[in-house]
Structures are given as C-alpha cells and as structure tokens.
Amino acid sequence: MQGDIVQAAKFIGAGLSMIGALGGGIGIGLSVHGALGGMARNPDTYGNLLTNMILGIAFSEAIAIYCLVIAFLMLFVL
C-alpha cells in the first residue's frame, strides 16, 4: 500500500510538471503569429524577423524540454 501511494505521487508530480510545456507551446504559437503578421505587412524585414522568430522559438522550446527533463527525473530517479 505504501509503495502504491508513492508511485501515484510520482505520476501526479510528473503530470503536473508537464503543465509548463503548455507555456512553451503558447509562446511558440504567439511568436510565429507575430512574425508572420510582420512579414505580411512589410516583406522587406523578412530576414530580420525570421532570425528573431527562430531564436524566440528556441528559447520557448527550451522551457518545454526542461519540463520534460523534470518529469523524467520524477518518474525514474526519485
């Protein structure tokens, strides 16, 4: 019984830690939306906007990857 409660707590904690990945997905969507809107309005800024968009996507995706690492640590190490 004691081990089942600990195992359930691990699963709940890992699931809750993945909520942070939602923020990364929203951030990527908003950055792409803003960059595409800017490119549509002013096509001359394509190169500059594309570079900044890819950099922003990388930073947003890093948050989701950190959440995934924490979830794996909770499941397999603790």
N, C-alpha and C. Protein backbone atom coordinates (compact mmCIF):
# COMPACT_ATOMS: atom_id res chain seq x y z
N MET A 1 0.81 -1.20 0.00
CA MET A 1 0.00 0.00 0.00
C MET A 1 0.86 1.26 0.00
N GLN A 2 1.91 1.25 0.82
CA GLN A 2 2.78 2.42 0.92
C GLN A 2 3.47 2.71 -0.42
N GLY A 3 3.94 1.69 -1.10
CA GLY A 3 4.62 1.88 -2.38
C GLY A 3 3.69 2.36 -3.47
N ASP A 4 2.41 1.96 -3.41
CA ASP A 4 1.44 2.40 -4.40
C ASP A 4 1.18 3.90 -4.30
N ILE A 5 1.14 4.41 -3.08
CA ILE A 5 0.90 5.84 -2.88
C ILE A 5 2.08 6.64 -3.40
N VAL A 6 3.28 6.16 -3.15
CA VAL A 6 4.48 6.85 -3.65
C VAL A 6 4.51 6.83 -5.17
N GLN A 7 4.16 5.70 -5.77
CA GLN A 7 4.13 5.60 -7.23
C GLN A 7 3.07 6.53 -7.82
N ALA A 8 1.92 6.61 -7.18
CA ALA A 8 0.87 7.51 -7.65
C ALA A 8 1.33 8.97 -7.54
N ALA A 9 2.03 9.30 -6.46
CA ALA A 9 2.53 10.67 -6.29
C ALA A 9 3.56 11.01 -7.37
N LYS A 10 4.37 10.04 -7.77
CA LYS A 10 5.34 10.27 -8.85
C LYS A 10 4.62 10.60 -10.15
N PHE A 11 3.58 9.83 -10.46
CA PHE A 11 2.85 10.06 -11.70
C PHE A 11 2.13 11.41 -11.69
N ILE A 12 1.56 11.76 -10.56
CA ILE A 12 0.87 13.05 -10.45
C ILE A 12 1.87 14.19 -10.57
N GLY A 13 3.02 14.07 -9.91
CA GLY A 13 4.04 15.11 -9.99
C GLY A 13 4.59 15.27 -11.39
N ALA A 14 4.82 14.16 -12.08
CA ALA A 14 5.32 14.25 -13.45
C ALA A 14 4.29 14.88 -14.38
N GLY A 15 3.03 14.55 -14.18
CA GLY A 15 1.98 15.16 -14.99
C GLY A 15 1.86 16.65 -14.74
N LEU A 16 1.96 17.04 -13.47
CA LEU A 16 1.88 18.47 -13.15
C LEU A 16 3.09 19.24 -13.67
N SER A 17 4.24 18.60 -13.70
CA SER A 17 5.42 19.31 -14.20
C SER A 17 5.32 19.55 -15.71
N MET A 18 4.56 18.74 -16.41
CA MET A 18 4.42 18.92 -17.85
C MET A 18 3.44 20.04 -18.20
N ILE A 19 2.77 20.61 -17.22
CA ILE A 19 1.90 21.75 -17.49
C ILE A 19 2.74 22.92 -18.01
N GLY A 20 3.99 23.00 -17.57
CA GLY A 20 4.88 24.07 -18.06
C GLY A 20 5.13 24.00 -19.55
N ALA A 21 5.01 22.81 -20.14
CA ALA A 21 5.20 22.68 -21.58
C ALA A 21 4.10 23.40 -22.34
N LEU A 22 2.96 23.59 -21.71
CA LEU A 22 1.88 24.33 -22.34
C LEU A 22 2.31 25.77 -22.61
N GLY A 23 3.06 26.35 -21.69
CA GLY A 23 3.56 27.71 -21.89
C GLY A 23 4.50 27.81 -23.07
N GLY A 24 5.33 26.79 -23.26
CA GLY A 24 6.23 26.79 -24.41
C GLY A 24 5.46 26.72 -25.72
N GLY A 25 4.42 25.90 -25.75
CA GLY A 25 3.60 25.80 -26.97
C GLY A 25 2.88 27.09 -27.29
N ILE A 26 2.35 27.74 -26.27
CA ILE A 26 1.68 29.02 -26.48
C ILE A 26 2.67 30.08 -26.94
N GLY A 27 3.87 30.08 -26.33
CA GLY A 27 4.89 31.05 -26.72
C GLY A 27 5.33 30.89 -28.16
N ILE A 28 5.49 29.65 -28.60
CA ILE A 28 5.89 29.40 -29.99
C ILE A 28 4.79 29.87 -30.93
N GLY A 29 3.55 29.55 -30.61
CA GLY A 29 2.45 29.97 -31.46
C GLY A 29 2.33 31.47 -31.57
N LEU A 30 2.48 32.17 -30.46
CA LEU A 30 2.38 33.63 -30.49
C LEU A 30 3.55 34.27 -31.24
N SER A 31 4.75 33.72 -31.09
CA SER A 31 5.89 34.31 -31.79
C SER A 31 5.79 34.10 -33.29
N VAL A 32 5.34 32.92 -33.72
CA VAL A 32 5.18 32.68 -35.15
C VAL A 32 4.06 33.55 -35.70
N HIS A 33 2.98 33.70 -34.95
CA HIS A 33 1.87 34.54 -35.40
C HIS A 33 2.32 35.98 -35.58
N GLY A 34 3.06 36.50 -34.61
CA GLY A 34 3.53 37.87 -34.71
C GLY A 34 4.53 38.07 -35.84
N ALA A 35 5.42 37.10 -36.02
CA ALA A 35 6.42 37.23 -37.09
C ALA A 35 5.77 37.15 -38.46
N LEU A 36 4.82 36.24 -38.63
CA LEU A 36 4.14 36.14 -39.93
C LEU A 36 3.31 37.37 -40.23
N GLY A 37 2.70 37.95 -39.20
CA GLY A 37 1.96 39.20 -39.39
C GLY A 37 2.88 40.34 -39.81
N GLY A 38 4.06 40.41 -39.17
CA GLY A 38 5.03 41.44 -39.54
C GLY A 38 5.58 41.24 -40.95
N MET A 39 5.83 39.98 -41.33
CA MET A 39 6.32 39.71 -42.69
C MET A 39 5.27 40.02 -43.73
N ALA A 40 4.00 39.81 -43.40
CA ALA A 40 2.94 40.11 -44.35
C ALA A 40 2.79 41.62 -44.54
N ARG A 41 3.00 42.38 -43.50
CA ARG A 41 2.87 43.83 -43.60
C ARG A 41 4.07 44.47 -44.26
N ASN A 42 5.26 43.95 -43.99
CA ASN A 42 6.48 44.54 -44.53
C ASN A 42 7.42 43.42 -44.96
N PRO A 43 7.34 42.97 -46.21
CA PRO A 43 8.16 41.84 -46.66
C PRO A 43 9.67 42.12 -46.66
N ASP A 44 10.06 43.38 -46.60
CA ASP A 44 11.49 43.71 -46.61
C ASP A 44 12.18 43.28 -45.32
N THR A 45 11.45 43.12 -44.25
CA THR A 45 12.05 42.75 -42.96
C THR A 45 12.06 41.24 -42.75
N TYR A 46 11.89 40.48 -43.81
CA TYR A 46 11.78 39.03 -43.72
C TYR A 46 12.98 38.40 -43.00
N GLY A 47 14.19 38.74 -43.41
CA GLY A 47 15.39 38.13 -42.84
C GLY A 47 15.55 38.41 -41.36
N ASN A 48 15.34 39.66 -40.97
CA ASN A 48 15.49 40.04 -39.57
C ASN A 48 14.41 39.39 -38.70
N LEU A 49 13.18 39.40 -39.18
CA LEU A 49 12.09 38.79 -38.41
C LEU A 49 12.26 37.28 -38.30
N LEU A 50 12.71 36.65 -39.38
CA LEU A 50 12.88 35.20 -39.35
C LEU A 50 13.94 34.79 -38.34
N THR A 51 15.05 35.52 -38.32
CA THR A 51 16.12 35.22 -37.36
C THR A 51 15.63 35.36 -35.93
N ASN A 52 14.95 36.46 -35.64
CA ASN A 52 14.45 36.67 -34.27
C ASN A 52 13.36 35.67 -33.91
N MET A 53 12.54 35.28 -34.89
CA MET A 53 11.49 34.30 -34.61
C MET A 53 12.10 32.94 -34.26
N ILE A 54 13.09 32.51 -35.00
CA ILE A 54 13.72 31.22 -34.73
C ILE A 54 14.41 31.24 -33.37
N LEU A 55 15.04 32.34 -33.02
CA LEU A 55 15.67 32.46 -31.71
C LEU A 55 14.63 32.40 -30.59
N GLY A 56 13.51 33.08 -30.77
CA GLY A 56 12.43 33.04 -29.78
C GLY A 56 11.83 31.65 -29.65
N ILE A 57 11.68 30.95 -30.77
CA ILE A 57 11.16 29.59 -30.73
C ILE A 57 12.11 28.67 -29.96
N ALA A 58 13.40 28.86 -30.16
CA ALA A 58 14.38 28.02 -29.46
C ALA A 58 14.29 28.23 -27.95
N PHE A 59 14.15 29.48 -27.52
CA PHE A 59 14.05 29.75 -26.09
C PHE A 59 12.74 29.22 -25.51
N SER A 60 11.66 29.34 -26.27
CA SER A 60 10.37 28.81 -25.79
C SER A 60 10.40 27.29 -25.71
N GLU A 61 11.04 26.66 -26.67
CA GLU A 61 11.11 25.20 -26.67
C GLU A 61 12.00 24.69 -25.54
N ALA A 62 12.98 25.49 -25.13
CA ALA A 62 13.86 25.09 -24.04
C ALA A 62 13.07 24.91 -22.74
N ILE A 63 12.07 25.76 -22.53
CA ILE A 63 11.25 25.64 -21.32
C ILE A 63 10.51 24.30 -21.33
N ALA A 64 9.96 23.92 -22.48
CA ALA A 64 9.24 22.65 -22.58
C ALA A 64 10.19 21.47 -22.36
N ILE A 65 11.39 21.57 -22.86
CA ILE A 65 12.36 20.49 -22.67
C ILE A 65 12.76 20.37 -21.20
N TYR A 66 12.92 21.51 -20.51
CA TYR A 66 13.22 21.46 -19.08
C TYR A 66 12.09 20.78 -18.31
N CYS A 67 10.85 21.06 -18.69
CA CYS A 67 9.71 20.41 -18.03
C CYS A 67 9.74 18.91 -18.26
N LEU A 68 10.09 18.50 -19.46
CA LEU A 68 10.17 17.08 -19.78
C LEU A 68 11.28 16.40 -18.96
N VAL A 69 12.40 17.06 -18.82
CA VAL A 69 13.51 16.51 -18.04
C VAL A 69 13.10 16.34 -16.58
N ILE A 70 12.42 17.33 -16.03
CA ILE A 70 11.96 17.24 -14.64
C ILE A 70 10.96 16.10 -14.48
N ALA A 71 10.08 15.93 -15.46
CA ALA A 71 9.12 14.82 -15.39
C ALA A 71 9.83 13.47 -15.41
N PHE A 72 10.82 13.33 -16.28
CA PHE A 72 11.58 12.07 -16.33
C PHE A 72 12.35 11.84 -15.03
N LEU A 73 12.90 12.89 -14.45
CA LEU A 73 13.61 12.75 -13.18
C LEU A 73 12.65 12.28 -12.08
N MET A 74 11.46 12.82 -12.07
CA MET A 74 10.48 12.40 -11.07
C MET A 74 10.10 10.94 -11.25
N LEU A 75 9.95 10.51 -12.49
CA LEU A 75 9.49 9.15 -12.74
C LEU A 75 10.58 8.09 -12.49
N PHE A 76 11.80 8.39 -12.92
CA PHE A 76 12.81 7.33 -12.94
C PHE A 76 13.90 7.46 -11.90
N VAL A 77 14.07 8.63 -11.29
CA VAL A 77 15.15 8.80 -10.31
C VAL A 77 14.62 8.80 -8.89
N LEU A 78 13.54 9.49 -8.65
CA LEU A 78 13.02 9.58 -7.28
C LEU A 78 12.34 8.30 -6.84
